[in-house]
C-alpha atoms as a PDB file:
ATOM      1  CA  MET A   1       0.687   3.189  -1.991  1.00  0.00           C
ATOM      2  CA  ILE A   2       0.091  -0.480  -2.859  1.00  0.00           C
ATOM      3  CA  LEU A   3       3.923  -0.730  -3.113  1.00  0.00           C
ATOM      4  CA  GLU A   4       4.501   1.372   0.275  1.00  0.00           C
ATOM      5  CA  PHE A   5       2.240  -1.548   1.914  1.00  0.00           C
ATOM      6  CA  PHE A   6       4.200  -4.197   0.881  1.00  0.00           C
ATOM      7  CA  ALA A   7       7.476  -2.783   1.358  1.00  0.00           C
ATOM      8  CA  ASN A   8       6.900  -1.444   5.019  1.00  0.00           C
ATOM      9  CA  GLU A   9       5.276  -5.185   5.632  1.00  0.00           C
ATOM     10  CA  GLY A  10       8.792  -7.191   4.404  1.00  0.00           C
ATOM     11  CA  ARG A  11       5.974 -10.286   4.508  1.00  0.00           C
ATOM     12  CA  TYR A  12       3.646 -12.103   2.858  1.00  0.00           C
ATOM     13  CA  ARG A  13       0.285 -10.468   3.034  1.00  0.00           C
ATOM     14  CA  THR A  14      -3.560 -10.532   1.428  1.00  0.00           C
ATOM     15  CA  ALA A  15      -5.516  -8.769  -0.689  1.00  0.00           C
ATOM     16  CA  LYS A  16      -8.134  -8.723   2.303  1.00  0.00           C
ATOM     17  CA  GLU A  17      -5.415  -6.938   4.327  1.00  0.00           C
ATOM     18  CA  LEU A  18      -4.599  -4.474   1.574  1.00  0.00           C
ATOM     19  CA  LEU A  19      -7.818  -3.724   1.440  1.00  0.00           C
ATOM     20  CA  SER A  20      -8.339  -2.752   5.076  1.00  0.00           C
ATOM     21  CA  TYR A  21      -5.383  -0.498   4.732  1.00  0.00           C
ATOM     22  CA  MET A  22      -6.404   1.369   1.793  1.00  0.00           C
ATOM     23  CA  GLU A  23     -10.074   2.219   2.462  1.00  0.00           C
ATOM     24  CA  PRO A  24      -9.551   4.574   4.850  1.00  0.00           C
ATOM     25  CA  HIS A  25      -7.511   6.716   2.290  1.00  0.00           C
ATOM     26  CA  TYR A  26      -9.691   5.604  -0.836  1.00  0.00           C
ATOM     27  CA  ASP A  27     -13.576   5.789  -0.355  1.00  0.00           C
ATOM     28  CA  GLY A  28     -15.192   3.093  -2.110  1.00  0.00           C
ATOM     29  CA  ILE A  29     -12.289   1.132  -3.195  1.00  0.00           C
ATOM     30  CA  SER A  30     -13.599  -2.485  -4.444  1.00  0.00           C
ATOM     31  CA  PHE A  31     -11.988  -5.997  -4.175  1.00  0.00           C
ATOM     32  CA  ASP A  32     -11.739  -5.701  -7.599  1.00  0.00           C
ATOM     33  CA  THR A  33      -9.403  -2.638  -7.935  1.00  0.00           C
ATOM     34  CA  ILE A  34      -7.176  -4.642  -5.299  1.00  0.00           C
ATOM     35  CA  TYR A  35      -7.185  -8.027  -7.208  1.00  0.00           C
ATOM     36  CA  ARG A  36      -6.118  -5.729 -10.751  1.00  0.00           C
ATOM     37  CA  ASN A  37      -3.299  -4.075  -9.125  1.00  0.00           C
ATOM     38  CA  LEU A  38      -2.078  -7.096  -7.441  1.00  0.00           C
ATOM     39  CA  HIS A  39      -2.016  -8.847 -10.680  1.00  0.00           C
ATOM     40  CA  LEU A  40      -0.334  -6.210 -12.577  1.00  0.00           C
ATOM     41  CA  PHE A  41       2.035  -5.939 -10.037  1.00  0.00           C
ATOM     42  CA  ASN A  42       2.901  -9.597  -9.812  1.00  0.00           C
ATOM     43  CA  GLU A  43       2.837  -9.987 -13.606  1.00  0.00           C
ATOM     44  CA  LEU A  44       5.342  -7.420 -13.928  1.00  0.00           C
ATOM     45  CA  GLY A  45       7.784  -8.635 -11.224  1.00  0.00           C
ATOM     46  CA  ILE A  46       7.070  -6.384  -8.642  1.00  0.00           C
ATOM     47  CA  LEU A  47       5.418  -8.582  -6.454  1.00  0.00           C
ATOM     48  CA  GLU A  48       5.757 -12.369  -5.850  1.00  0.00           C
ATOM     49  CA  SER A  49       2.580 -14.683  -4.695  1.00  0.00           C
ATOM     50  CA  THR A  50       2.320 -17.980  -3.158  1.00  0.00           C
ATOM     51  CA  GLU A  51      -0.691 -19.647  -1.882  1.00  0.00           C
ATOM     52  CA  LEU A  52      -1.779 -20.315   1.920  1.00  0.00           C
ATOM     53  CA  ASP A  53      -4.483 -22.169   2.960  1.00  0.00           C
ATOM     54  CA  GLY A  54      -6.612 -21.397  -0.478  1.00  0.00           C
ATOM     55  CA  GLU A  55      -5.862 -18.050  -0.605  1.00  0.00           C
ATOM     56  CA  LYS A  56      -2.962 -15.690  -2.407  1.00  0.00           C
ATOM     57  CA  HIS A  57      -0.288 -13.802  -0.301  1.00  0.00           C
ATOM     58  CA  TYR A  58       1.684 -11.155  -1.943  1.00  0.00           C
ATOM     59  CA  GLN A  59       5.126  -9.742  -0.905  1.00  0.00           C
ATOM     60  CA  ILE A  60       7.586  -7.376  -2.416  1.00  0.00           C
ATOM     61  CA  ARG A  61      10.043  -9.449  -4.964  1.00  0.00           C
ATOM     62  CA  CYS A  62      12.890  -9.755  -2.537  1.00  0.00           C
ATOM     63  CA  ALA A  63      16.147 -10.449  -4.710  1.00  0.00           C
ATOM     64  CA  ASN A  64      17.197 -10.267  -8.028  1.00  0.00           C
ATOM     65  CA  HIS A  65      19.296 -13.527  -7.548  1.00  0.00           C
ATOM     66  CA  HIS A  66      17.644 -17.033  -6.744  1.00  0.00           C
ATOM     67  CA  HIS A  67      16.766 -18.301  -3.477  1.00  0.00           C
ATOM     68  CA  HIS A  68      13.712 -20.008  -1.965  1.00  0.00           C
ATOM     69  CA  HIS A  69      11.576 -19.388   1.317  1.00  0.00           C
ATOM     70  CA  PHE A  70      10.406 -20.358   4.543  1.00  0.00           C
ATOM     71  CA  ILE A  71       7.118 -19.148   4.959  1.00  0.00           C
ATOM     72  CA  CYS A  72       5.283 -19.146   8.324  1.00  0.00           C
ATOM     73  CA  ARG A  73       1.363 -19.693   7.921  1.00  0.00           C
ATOM     74  CA  LYS A  74       0.558 -17.512  10.852  1.00  0.00           C
ATOM     75  CA  CYS A  75       1.790 -14.267  10.251  1.00  0.00           C
ATOM     76  CA  GLY A  76       3.411 -14.654   6.692  1.00  0.00           C
ATOM     77  CA  ALA A  77       7.107 -13.812   7.781  1.00  0.00           C
ATOM     78  CA  THR A  78       9.579 -15.216   5.329  1.00  0.00           C
ATOM     79  CA  LYS A  79      12.952 -16.700   5.622  1.00  0.00           C
ATOM     80  CA  ARG A  80      15.531 -17.129   3.163  1.00  0.00           C
ATOM     81  CA  ILE A  81      16.404 -20.687   2.375  1.00  0.00           C
ATOM     82  CA  GLN A  82      20.219 -20.841   0.748  1.00  0.00           C
ATOM     83  CA  ILE A  83      20.161 -23.925  -0.837  1.00  0.00           C
ATOM     84  CA  CYS A  84      18.178 -24.983  -4.031  1.00  0.00           C
ATOM     85  CA  PRO A  85      16.768 -28.610  -3.941  1.00  0.00           C
ATOM     86  CA  MET A  86      17.207 -28.129  -7.808  1.00  0.00           C
ATOM     87  CA  ASP A  87      20.770 -28.882  -7.358  1.00  0.00           C
ATOM     88  CA  MET A  88      20.110 -32.348  -6.000  1.00  0.00           C
ATOM     89  CA  ILE A  89      17.635 -33.467  -8.723  1.00  0.00           C
ATOM     90  CA  ASP A  90      19.426 -32.029 -11.841  1.00  0.00           C
ATOM     91  CA  ASP A  91      20.509 -36.020 -12.569  1.00  0.00           C
ATOM     92  CA  ASP A  92      17.316 -37.127 -12.504  1.00  0.00           C
ATOM     93  CA  LEU A  93      15.629 -34.624 -15.087  1.00  0.00           C
ATOM     94  CA  SER A  94      18.457 -35.428 -17.855  1.00  0.00           C
ATOM     95  CA  GLY A  95      17.035 -34.691 -21.068  1.00  0.00           C
ATOM     96  CA  TYR A  96      14.215 -32.755 -19.812  1.00  0.00           C
ATOM     97  CA  MET A  97      13.823 -29.153 -20.377  1.00  0.00           C
ATOM     98  CA  ILE A  98      13.309 -27.125 -17.117  1.00  0.00           C
ATOM     99  CA  GLU A  99      11.661 -23.723 -17.180  1.00  0.00           C
ATOM    100  CA  GLY A 100      11.675 -22.575 -13.793  1.00  0.00           C
ATOM    101  CA  HIS A 101      10.877 -24.019 -10.251  1.00  0.00           C
ATOM    102  CA  LYS A 102       9.591 -22.868  -6.991  1.00  0.00           C
ATOM    103  CA  PHE A 103      10.084 -24.004  -3.495  1.00  0.00           C
ATOM    104  CA  GLU A 104       8.690 -23.023  -0.671  1.00  0.00           C
ATOM    105  CA  VAL A 105       8.650 -24.499   3.199  1.00  0.00           C
ATOM    106  CA  TYR A 106       5.462 -24.068   5.228  1.00  0.00           C
ATOM    107  CA  GLY A 107       5.193 -23.857   9.268  1.00  0.00           C
ATOM    108  CA  LEU A 108       5.501 -21.473  12.455  1.00  0.00           C
ATOM    109  CA  CYS A 109       7.767 -19.221  12.907  1.00  0.00           C
ATOM    110  CA  PRO A 110       9.969 -18.888  16.331  1.00  0.00           C
ATOM    111  CA  ALA A 111       7.489 -15.988  17.356  1.00  0.00           C
ATOM    112  CA  CYS A 112       4.027 -17.668  16.263  1.00  0.00           C
ATOM    113  CA  GLN A 113       5.287 -20.827  17.930  1.00  0.00           C
ATOM    114  CA  ALA A 114       5.932 -18.948  21.336  1.00  0.00           C
ATOM    115  CA  ALA A 115       2.561 -17.340  20.940  1.00  0.00           C
END
């Protein structure tokens, strides 16, 4: 049901939003249960996470190929960014072993700007 929630949303959502979705179906469900499952799905690579305003947000991992995101701070909608900034800084890191990176741009999507 947790994965169904994220699959249907198609954007970043919080543990609190997931808890509100689950409460009518699971009497007494706790934040601990929600956080344990979110952490597990994130560790398994099923969900990906980001931090917005000091709070973790999650979404279904959206692809098996490398890309980055614009993330709306208001609604959590994402837009794929097709270029990778690492392509421009590889020469600056000559001799360094890069093990990973994450590039996210934050702001308001067109719908939230209009609202």
